[in-house]
C-alpha atoms as a PDB file:
ATOM      1  CA  MET A   1     -37.608 -40.736  58.481  1.00  0.00           C
ATOM      2  CA  THR A   2     -35.682 -40.376  55.242  1.00  0.00           C
ATOM      3  CA  ALA A   3     -33.290 -43.126  54.381  1.00  0.00           C
ATOM      4  CA  ARG A   4     -29.705 -42.070  53.927  1.00  0.00           C
ATOM      5  CA  THR A   5     -28.010 -43.313  50.836  1.00  0.00           C
ATOM      6  CA  ASP A   6     -24.302 -43.961  51.169  1.00  0.00           C
ATOM      7  CA  GLY A   7     -22.140 -44.084  48.111  1.00  0.00           C
ATOM      8  CA  PRO A   8     -19.550 -42.216  46.154  1.00  0.00           C
ATOM      9  CA  GLU A   9     -20.006 -38.552  45.593  1.00  0.00           C
ATOM     10  CA  PRO A  10     -21.250 -37.723  42.094  1.00  0.00           C
ATOM     11  CA  TYR A  11     -18.594 -36.617  39.665  1.00  0.00           C
ATOM     12  CA  PRO A  12     -18.631 -32.910  38.942  1.00  0.00           C
ATOM     13  CA  GLU A  13     -20.050 -32.009  35.591  1.00  0.00           C
ATOM     14  CA  GLU A  14     -17.265 -32.052  33.059  1.00  0.00           C
ATOM     15  CA  SER A  15     -16.580 -28.976  31.019  1.00  0.00           C
ATOM     16  CA  SER A  16     -17.347 -29.120  27.360  1.00  0.00           C
ATOM     17  CA  GLN A  17     -14.492 -29.821  25.004  1.00  0.00           C
ATOM     18  CA  ASP A  18     -14.801 -26.356  23.499  1.00  0.00           C
ATOM     19  CA  ASP A  19     -14.305 -24.713  26.912  1.00  0.00           C
ATOM     20  CA  GLN A  20     -11.149 -26.730  27.553  1.00  0.00           C
ATOM     21  CA  ALA A  21      -9.687 -26.196  24.093  1.00  0.00           C
ATOM     22  CA  PRO A  22      -6.784 -23.747  24.075  1.00  0.00           C
ATOM     23  CA  ARG A  23      -7.463 -20.449  22.459  1.00  0.00           C
ATOM     24  CA  ASP A  24      -4.565 -20.227  20.041  1.00  0.00           C
ATOM     25  CA  GLU A  25      -6.064 -17.495  17.891  1.00  0.00           C
ATOM     26  CA  PRO A  26      -4.321 -14.254  18.856  1.00  0.00           C
ATOM     27  CA  HIS A  27      -6.120 -10.987  19.296  1.00  0.00           C
ATOM     28  CA  ILE A  28      -6.119  -8.572  16.371  1.00  0.00           C
ATOM     29  CA  ASP A  29      -7.079  -4.938  16.717  1.00  0.00           C
ATOM     30  CA  ARG A  30     -10.069  -3.449  14.952  1.00  0.00           C
ATOM     31  CA  LEU A  31      -9.536  -1.577  11.691  1.00  0.00           C
ATOM     32  CA  PRO A  32      -9.307   1.972  13.155  1.00  0.00           C
ATOM     33  CA  ILE A  33      -6.613   0.849  15.607  1.00  0.00           C
ATOM     34  CA  ARG A  34      -4.752  -0.927  12.819  1.00  0.00           C
ATOM     35  CA  LEU A  35      -4.755   2.292  10.805  1.00  0.00           C
ATOM     36  CA  ILE A  36      -3.097   4.122  13.684  1.00  0.00           C
ATOM     37  CA  ASN A  37      -0.616   1.299  14.289  1.00  0.00           C
ATOM     38  CA  ALA A  38       0.508   1.465  10.663  1.00  0.00           C
ATOM     39  CA  PHE A  39       2.132   4.758  11.699  1.00  0.00           C
ATOM     40  CA  VAL A  40       2.957   4.369  15.390  1.00  0.00           C
ATOM     41  CA  SER A  41       3.412   0.626  15.942  1.00  0.00           C
ATOM     42  CA  PRO A  42       4.060  -1.230  12.682  1.00  0.00           C
ATOM     43  CA  GLY A  43       5.805  -4.112  14.452  1.00  0.00           C
ATOM     44  CA  LYS A  44       2.753  -4.892  16.567  1.00  0.00           C
ATOM     45  CA  LEU A  45       0.456  -4.488  13.560  1.00  0.00           C
ATOM     46  CA  MET A  46       2.442  -6.828  11.339  1.00  0.00           C
ATOM     47  CA  ASP A  47       2.744  -9.481  14.062  1.00  0.00           C
ATOM     48  CA  GLN A  48      -1.046  -9.507  14.258  1.00  0.00           C
ATOM     49  CA  LEU A  49      -1.493  -9.613  10.485  1.00  0.00           C
ATOM     50  CA  ALA A  50       1.003 -12.460  10.105  1.00  0.00           C
ATOM     51  CA  ALA A  51      -1.146 -14.531  12.463  1.00  0.00           C
ATOM     52  CA  GLN A  52      -4.500 -13.291  11.141  1.00  0.00           C
ATOM     53  CA  PRO A  53      -4.068 -11.874   7.626  1.00  0.00           C
ATOM     54  CA  LYS A  54      -7.104  -9.620   7.429  1.00  0.00           C
ATOM     55  CA  TRP A  55      -7.095  -7.543   4.253  1.00  0.00           C
ATOM     56  CA  VAL A  56     -10.630  -7.080   2.894  1.00  0.00           C
ATOM     57  CA  GLY A  57     -11.565  -4.041   5.004  1.00  0.00           C
ATOM     58  CA  MET A  58      -8.277  -2.290   4.317  1.00  0.00           C
ATOM     59  CA  ILE A  59      -8.402  -2.978   0.568  1.00  0.00           C
ATOM     60  CA  VAL A  60     -11.920  -1.534   0.443  1.00  0.00           C
ATOM     61  CA  LEU A  61     -10.861   1.539   2.447  1.00  0.00           C
ATOM     62  CA  THR A  62      -7.762   2.391   0.401  1.00  0.00           C
ATOM     63  CA  THR A  63      -9.646   1.822  -2.860  1.00  0.00           C
ATOM     64  CA  VAL A  64     -12.577   4.019  -1.843  1.00  0.00           C
ATOM     65  CA  VAL A  65     -10.254   6.787  -0.644  1.00  0.00           C
ATOM     66  CA  SER A  66      -8.351   6.627  -3.942  1.00  0.00           C
ATOM     67  CA  GLY A  67     -11.610   6.947  -5.880  1.00  0.00           C
ATOM     68  CA  VAL A  68     -12.837   9.868  -3.774  1.00  0.00           C
ATOM     69  CA  THR A  69      -9.486  11.632  -4.150  1.00  0.00           C
ATOM     70  CA  ALA A  70      -9.699  11.295  -7.935  1.00  0.00           C
ATOM     71  CA  ALA A  71     -13.258  12.630  -7.875  1.00  0.00           C
ATOM     72  CA  LEU A  72     -12.173  15.756  -5.990  1.00  0.00           C
ATOM     73  CA  VAL A  73      -9.580  16.696  -8.612  1.00  0.00           C
ATOM     74  CA  PRO A  74     -11.013  19.192 -11.131  1.00  0.00           C
ATOM     75  CA  ALA A  75     -11.267  17.703 -14.611  1.00  0.00           C
ATOM     76  CA  ASP A  76      -9.729  20.819 -16.207  1.00  0.00           C
ATOM     77  CA  LEU A  77      -6.636  20.429 -14.045  1.00  0.00           C
ATOM     78  CA  ILE A  78      -6.274  16.820 -15.196  1.00  0.00           C
ATOM     79  CA  PHE A  79      -6.547  17.934 -18.836  1.00  0.00           C
ATOM     80  CA  GLU A  80      -3.813  20.519 -18.413  1.00  0.00           C
ATOM     81  CA  THR A  81      -1.526  18.145 -16.511  1.00  0.00           C
ATOM     82  CA  VAL A  82      -1.815  15.461 -19.184  1.00  0.00           C
ATOM     83  CA  ARG A  83      -1.290  18.058 -21.921  1.00  0.00           C
ATOM     84  CA  GLN A  84       1.891  19.356 -20.281  1.00  0.00           C
ATOM     85  CA  GLN A  85       3.214  15.824 -19.838  1.00  0.00           C
ATOM     86  CA  MET A  86       2.643  15.060 -23.510  1.00  0.00           C
ATOM     87  CA  ILE A  87       4.343  18.296 -24.559  1.00  0.00           C
ATOM     88  CA  ALA A  88       7.322  17.458 -22.325  1.00  0.00           C
ATOM     89  CA  GLN A  89       7.598  14.124 -24.152  1.00  0.00           C
ATOM     90  CA  GLY A  90       7.722  15.893 -27.511  1.00  0.00           C
ATOM     91  CA  VAL A  91       4.127  15.184 -28.542  1.00  0.00           C
ATOM     92  CA  ASP A  92       2.426  18.006 -30.445  1.00  0.00           C
ATOM     93  CA  VAL A  93      -0.804  18.697 -28.580  1.00  0.00           C
ATOM     94  CA  THR A  94      -3.220  21.439 -29.531  1.00  0.00           C
ATOM     95  CA  GLU A  95      -6.562  20.546 -28.046  1.00  0.00           C
ATOM     96  CA  PHE A  96      -8.181  17.453 -26.665  1.00  0.00           C
ATOM     97  CA  GLY A  97     -11.033  16.010 -28.658  1.00  0.00           C
ATOM     98  CA  ASP A  98     -14.405  15.376 -27.086  1.00  0.00           C
ATOM     99  CA  VAL A  99     -13.669  11.671 -26.775  1.00  0.00           C
ATOM    100  CA  GLN A 100     -10.419  12.247 -24.892  1.00  0.00           C
ATOM    101  CA  MET A 101     -11.948  14.875 -22.636  1.00  0.00           C
ATOM    102  CA  ASN A 102     -14.915  12.671 -21.746  1.00  0.00           C
ATOM    103  CA  ALA A 103     -12.569   9.765 -21.082  1.00  0.00           C
ATOM    104  CA  LEU A 104     -10.584  11.862 -18.606  1.00  0.00           C
ATOM    105  CA  ARG A 105     -13.685  13.420 -17.067  1.00  0.00           C
ATOM    106  CA  TYR A 106     -15.690  10.250 -16.495  1.00  0.00           C
ATOM    107  CA  GLY A 107     -12.926   7.692 -16.406  1.00  0.00           C
ATOM    108  CA  ARG A 108     -10.750   9.152 -13.697  1.00  0.00           C
ATOM    109  CA  ILE A 109     -12.755   7.663 -10.804  1.00  0.00           C
ATOM    110  CA  PRO A 110     -13.073   4.070 -12.078  1.00  0.00           C
ATOM    111  CA  GLY A 111      -9.502   4.364 -13.331  1.00  0.00           C
ATOM    112  CA  ALA A 112      -8.257   5.295  -9.862  1.00  0.00           C
ATOM    113  CA  VAL A 113     -10.250   2.454  -8.290  1.00  0.00           C
ATOM    114  CA  ILE A 114      -8.974  -0.149 -10.748  1.00  0.00           C
ATOM    115  CA  PHE A 115      -5.407   1.131 -10.423  1.00  0.00           C
ATOM    116  CA  ALA A 116      -5.555   0.936  -6.614  1.00  0.00           C
ATOM    117  CA  LEU A 117      -6.810  -2.657  -6.732  1.00  0.00           C
ATOM    118  CA  ILE A 118      -4.317  -3.821  -9.338  1.00  0.00           C
ATOM    119  CA  LEU A 119      -1.472  -2.088  -7.522  1.00  0.00           C
ATOM    120  CA  GLN A 120      -2.124  -3.707  -4.133  1.00  0.00           C
ATOM    121  CA  PHE A 121      -2.888  -7.195  -5.439  1.00  0.00           C
ATOM    122  CA  GLY A 122       0.030  -6.974  -7.864  1.00  0.00           C
ATOM    123  CA  ILE A 123       2.605  -5.812  -5.317  1.00  0.00           C
ATOM    124  CA  ALA A 124       1.484  -8.536  -2.898  1.00  0.00           C
ATOM    125  CA  ALA A 125       1.856 -11.130  -5.660  1.00  0.00           C
ATOM    126  CA  LEU A 126       5.343  -9.839  -6.483  1.00  0.00           C
ATOM    127  CA  TYR A 127       6.470 -10.045  -2.866  1.00  0.00           C
ATOM    128  CA  ALA A 128       4.904 -13.491  -2.432  1.00  0.00           C
ATOM    129  CA  VAL A 129       6.785 -14.788  -5.471  1.00  0.00           C
ATOM    130  CA  ILE A 130      10.100 -13.278  -4.394  1.00  0.00           C
ATOM    131  CA  PHE A 131      10.016 -14.206  -0.718  1.00  0.00           C
ATOM    132  CA  SER A 132       8.039 -17.465  -0.722  1.00  0.00           C
ATOM    133  CA  PHE A 133       8.931 -19.063  -4.051  1.00  0.00           C
ATOM    134  CA  VAL A 134      12.352 -17.632  -4.865  1.00  0.00           C
ATOM    135  CA  LEU A 135      13.863 -17.142  -1.404  1.00  0.00           C
ATOM    136  CA  GLY A 136      11.964 -19.946   0.356  1.00  0.00           C
ATOM    137  CA  ASP A 137      10.283 -18.004   3.159  1.00  0.00           C
ATOM    138  CA  ASP A 138       7.291 -19.574   4.909  1.00  0.00           C
ATOM    139  CA  GLY A 139       4.659 -17.114   3.764  1.00  0.00           C
ATOM    140  CA  ARG A 140       1.268 -17.181   2.062  1.00  0.00           C
ATOM    141  CA  TYR A 141      -0.085 -14.745  -0.476  1.00  0.00           C
ATOM    142  CA  VAL A 142      -2.848 -13.516   1.850  1.00  0.00           C
ATOM    143  CA  GLN A 143      -0.248 -12.627   4.477  1.00  0.00           C
ATOM    144  CA  TYR A 144       1.680 -10.440   2.048  1.00  0.00           C
ATOM    145  CA  LEU A 145      -1.608  -8.972   0.788  1.00  0.00           C
ATOM    146  CA  ALA A 146      -2.575  -8.018   4.341  1.00  0.00           C
ATOM    147  CA  ALA A 147       0.830  -6.394   4.890  1.00  0.00           C
ATOM    148  CA  VAL A 148       0.728  -4.505   1.575  1.00  0.00           C
ATOM    149  CA  SER A 149      -2.842  -3.243   2.004  1.00  0.00           C
ATOM    150  CA  HIS A 150      -2.090  -1.838   5.458  1.00  0.00           C
ATOM    151  CA  GLY A 151       1.261  -0.361   4.467  1.00  0.00           C
ATOM    152  CA  TRP A 152      -0.214   1.245   1.356  1.00  0.00           C
ATOM    153  CA  PHE A 153      -2.576   3.265   3.513  1.00  0.00           C
ATOM    154  CA  ILE A 154       0.336   5.597   4.308  1.00  0.00           C
ATOM    155  CA  PRO A 155       0.824   7.119   0.819  1.00  0.00           C
ATOM    156  CA  VAL A 156      -2.950   7.046   0.219  1.00  0.00           C
ATOM    157  CA  LEU A 157      -3.518   9.169   3.323  1.00  0.00           C
ATOM    158  CA  PHE A 158      -0.763  11.623   2.404  1.00  0.00           C
ATOM    159  CA  SER A 159      -2.215  12.014  -1.090  1.00  0.00           C
ATOM    160  CA  VAL A 160      -5.468  13.155   0.541  1.00  0.00           C
ATOM    161  CA  LEU A 161      -3.637  15.586   2.814  1.00  0.00           C
ATOM    162  CA  LEU A 162      -1.706  17.061  -0.117  1.00  0.00           C
ATOM    163  CA  LEU A 163      -4.749  17.338  -2.386  1.00  0.00           C
ATOM    164  CA  PRO A 164      -5.759  20.906  -1.355  1.00  0.00           C
ATOM    165  CA  LEU A 165      -2.198  22.100  -2.018  1.00  0.00           C
ATOM    166  CA  MET A 166      -2.130  20.307  -5.389  1.00  0.00           C
ATOM    167  CA  ILE A 167      -5.345  22.020  -6.462  1.00  0.00           C
ATOM    168  CA  ARG A 168      -4.261  25.419  -5.170  1.00  0.00           C
ATOM    169  CA  THR A 169      -0.893  25.257  -6.935  1.00  0.00           C
ATOM    170  CA  GLU A 170      -2.429  23.505  -9.965  1.00  0.00           C
ATOM    171  CA  ASN A 171       0.274  20.865  -9.730  1.00  0.00           C
ATOM    172  CA  LEU A 172      -1.011  17.295  -9.628  1.00  0.00           C
ATOM    173  CA  GLU A 173       2.563  16.009  -9.621  1.00  0.00           C
ATOM    174  CA  LEU A 174       3.196  17.544  -6.215  1.00  0.00           C
ATOM    175  CA  ARG A 175       4.545  14.793  -3.975  1.00  0.00           C
ATOM    176  CA  LEU A 176       6.904  14.378  -1.030  1.00  0.00           C
ATOM    177  CA  THR A 177       9.629  13.067  -3.299  1.00  0.00           C
ATOM    178  CA  LEU A 178      13.404  13.066  -3.115  1.00  0.00           C
ATOM    179  CA  ASP A 179      13.408  15.666  -5.883  1.00  0.00           C
ATOM    180  CA  VAL A 180      12.113  18.237  -3.381  1.00  0.00           C
ATOM    181  CA  PHE A 181      15.504  18.115  -1.647  1.00  0.00           C
ATOM    182  CA  ILE A 182      17.848  17.915  -4.680  1.00  0.00           C
ATOM    183  CA  ALA A 183      16.034  20.087  -7.242  1.00  0.00           C
ATOM    184  CA  SER A 184      18.256  23.088  -6.571  1.00  0.00           C
ATOM    185  CA  PHE A 185      21.479  21.074  -6.986  1.00  0.00           C
ATOM    186  CA  PHE A 186      20.917  19.081 -10.195  1.00  0.00           C
ATOM    187  CA  GLU A 187      19.814  19.923 -13.706  1.00  0.00           C
ATOM    188  CA  PRO A 188      16.840  18.126 -15.281  1.00  0.00           C
ATOM    189  CA  GLY A 189      17.846  14.685 -16.480  1.00  0.00           C
ATOM    190  CA  LEU A 190      17.927  11.048 -15.443  1.00  0.00           C
ATOM    191  CA  LEU A 191      18.788  11.743 -11.815  1.00  0.00           C
ATOM    192  CA  ARG A 192      15.970  14.271 -11.445  1.00  0.00           C
ATOM    193  CA  ASN A 193      13.515  11.936 -13.186  1.00  0.00           C
ATOM    194  CA  VAL A 194      14.366   9.126 -10.800  1.00  0.00           C
ATOM    195  CA  ALA A 195      14.221  11.442  -7.799  1.00  0.00           C
ATOM    196  CA  LYS A 196      10.712  12.570  -8.796  1.00  0.00           C
ATOM    197  CA  LEU A 197       9.548   8.954  -8.610  1.00  0.00           C
ATOM    198  CA  LEU A 198      11.111   8.229  -5.230  1.00  0.00           C
ATOM    199  CA  ASP A 199       8.128   9.221  -3.094  1.00  0.00           C
ATOM    200  CA  LEU A 200       9.150   9.332   0.560  1.00  0.00           C
ATOM    201  CA  THR A 201       5.688   8.225   1.711  1.00  0.00           C
ATOM    202  CA  VAL A 202       5.961   5.158  -0.525  1.00  0.00           C
ATOM    203  CA  ILE A 203       9.395   4.416   0.926  1.00  0.00           C
ATOM    204  CA  TRP A 204       7.850   4.706   4.398  1.00  0.00           C
ATOM    205  CA  SER A 205       5.153   2.214   3.417  1.00  0.00           C
ATOM    206  CA  ILE A 206       7.768  -0.160   1.980  1.00  0.00           C
ATOM    207  CA  LEU A 207       9.605  -0.167   5.312  1.00  0.00           C
ATOM    208  CA  VAL A 208       6.343  -1.002   7.091  1.00  0.00           C
ATOM    209  CA  ILE A 209       5.672  -3.847   4.642  1.00  0.00           C
ATOM    210  CA  ALA A 210       9.243  -5.079   5.172  1.00  0.00           C
ATOM    211  CA  GLN A 211       8.384  -5.386   8.849  1.00  0.00           C
ATOM    212  CA  GLY A 212       5.507  -7.559   7.680  1.00  0.00           C
ATOM    213  CA  ALA A 213       7.846  -9.842   5.725  1.00  0.00           C
ATOM    214  CA  HIS A 214       9.884 -10.272   8.910  1.00  0.00           C
ATOM    215  CA  ALA A 215       6.754 -11.062  10.931  1.00  0.00           C
ATOM    216  CA  ILE A 216       5.550 -13.595   8.352  1.00  0.00           C
ATOM    217  CA  ASP A 217       8.826 -15.526   8.591  1.00  0.00           C
ATOM    218  CA  GLU A 218      11.090 -14.483  11.441  1.00  0.00           C
ATOM    219  CA  ARG A 219      14.086 -16.021   9.685  1.00  0.00           C
ATOM    220  CA  ARG A 220      13.790 -13.125   7.254  1.00  0.00           C
ATOM    221  CA  SER A 221      15.303 -10.108   8.972  1.00  0.00           C
ATOM    222  CA  PHE A 222      13.714  -6.702   8.645  1.00  0.00           C
ATOM    223  CA  ALA A 223      16.929  -5.301   7.160  1.00  0.00           C
ATOM    224  CA  SER A 224      17.165  -7.887   4.369  1.00  0.00           C
ATOM    225  CA  ALA A 225      13.461  -7.524   3.512  1.00  0.00           C
ATOM    226  CA  ALA A 226      13.796  -3.733   3.402  1.00  0.00           C
ATOM    227  CA  VAL A 227      16.864  -3.906   1.134  1.00  0.00           C
ATOM    228  CA  ILE A 228      15.095  -6.248  -1.295  1.00  0.00           C
ATOM    229  CA  MET A 229      11.908  -4.167  -1.443  1.00  0.00           C
ATOM    230  CA  LEU A 230      13.711  -0.830  -1.745  1.00  0.00           C
ATOM    231  CA  THR A 231      15.935  -2.242  -4.495  1.00  0.00           C
ATOM    232  CA  ILE A 232      12.840  -3.259  -6.462  1.00  0.00           C
ATOM    233  CA  PHE A 233      11.392   0.235  -6.023  1.00  0.00           C
ATOM    234  CA  LEU A 234      14.667   1.861  -7.102  1.00  0.00           C
ATOM    235  CA  LEU A 235      14.886  -0.336 -10.212  1.00  0.00           C
ATOM    236  CA  TYR A 236      11.321   0.630 -11.090  1.00  0.00           C
ATOM    237  CA  ALA A 237      12.128   4.351 -10.733  1.00  0.00           C
ATOM    238  CA  LEU A 238      15.331   3.932 -12.742  1.00  0.00           C
ATOM    239  CA  GLY A 239      13.497   2.156 -15.554  1.00  0.00           C
ATOM    240  CA  ILE A 240      10.781   4.814 -15.790  1.00  0.00           C
ATOM    241  CA  GLY A 241      13.394   7.569 -15.587  1.00  0.00           C
ATOM    242  CA  LEU A 242      15.331   6.075 -18.508  1.00  0.00           C
ATOM    243  CA  LEU A 243      12.170   5.820 -20.601  1.00  0.00           C
ATOM    244  CA  GLN A 244      11.391   9.487 -19.904  1.00  0.00           C
ATOM    245  CA  VAL A 245      14.890  10.572 -20.953  1.00  0.00           C
ATOM    246  CA  ARG A 246      14.716   8.569 -24.188  1.00  0.00           C
ATOM    247  CA  SER A 247      11.241   9.861 -25.031  1.00  0.00           C
ATOM    248  CA  ILE A 248      12.465  13.450 -24.745  1.00  0.00           C
ATOM    249  CA  ALA A 249      15.623  12.738 -26.728  1.00  0.00           C
END
């Protein structure tokens, strides 16, 4: 006969501390979904990036696409475009030397890659300085870098879509700019120069990034962030437009 042991019931096995710890880390979509959300749901995308500022994959993607786009442009078309730009600025150009032609032929791909990297890291640094250091928002550089890299995918994608038309029309300056809508109303000059720089796809990306600034610090409204960023872009276009007018004069 088995003896019965009376006593307190054993305590149930306690869960590990890791199982009981709250899972504060929010879910962030995978890169393909984030690409789609940059167009269809920027608010959701930027809320995720503010909490988890992932930027490496997007930086790599936009940089690679920029390099591939440059590689697909015929070298002869680049030569002619640069030659016409120099002539428009009053520079007497007859023929390119071998050094210049080789530089354009073999340097366009690494040049596009370096430009894409500098542009994204530089714009993120500019926004971080303005919003975090000057205006006092609670934001980190990596958060603005994540917002910029995802927003910049918009003009990068449109440049790929427009590439066949650029090559067919032999016009590498073909863009969805404001000049498309005002060209028939204004003569060439400062206004037209500025309008040619106001790329509507870039403006779209700026509005998406402004949503990111709001998500990074909710005290910063989307409207105020958009006004600040668009003002910077307009000042840039105005400065370049003035330089172009003076170079021609």
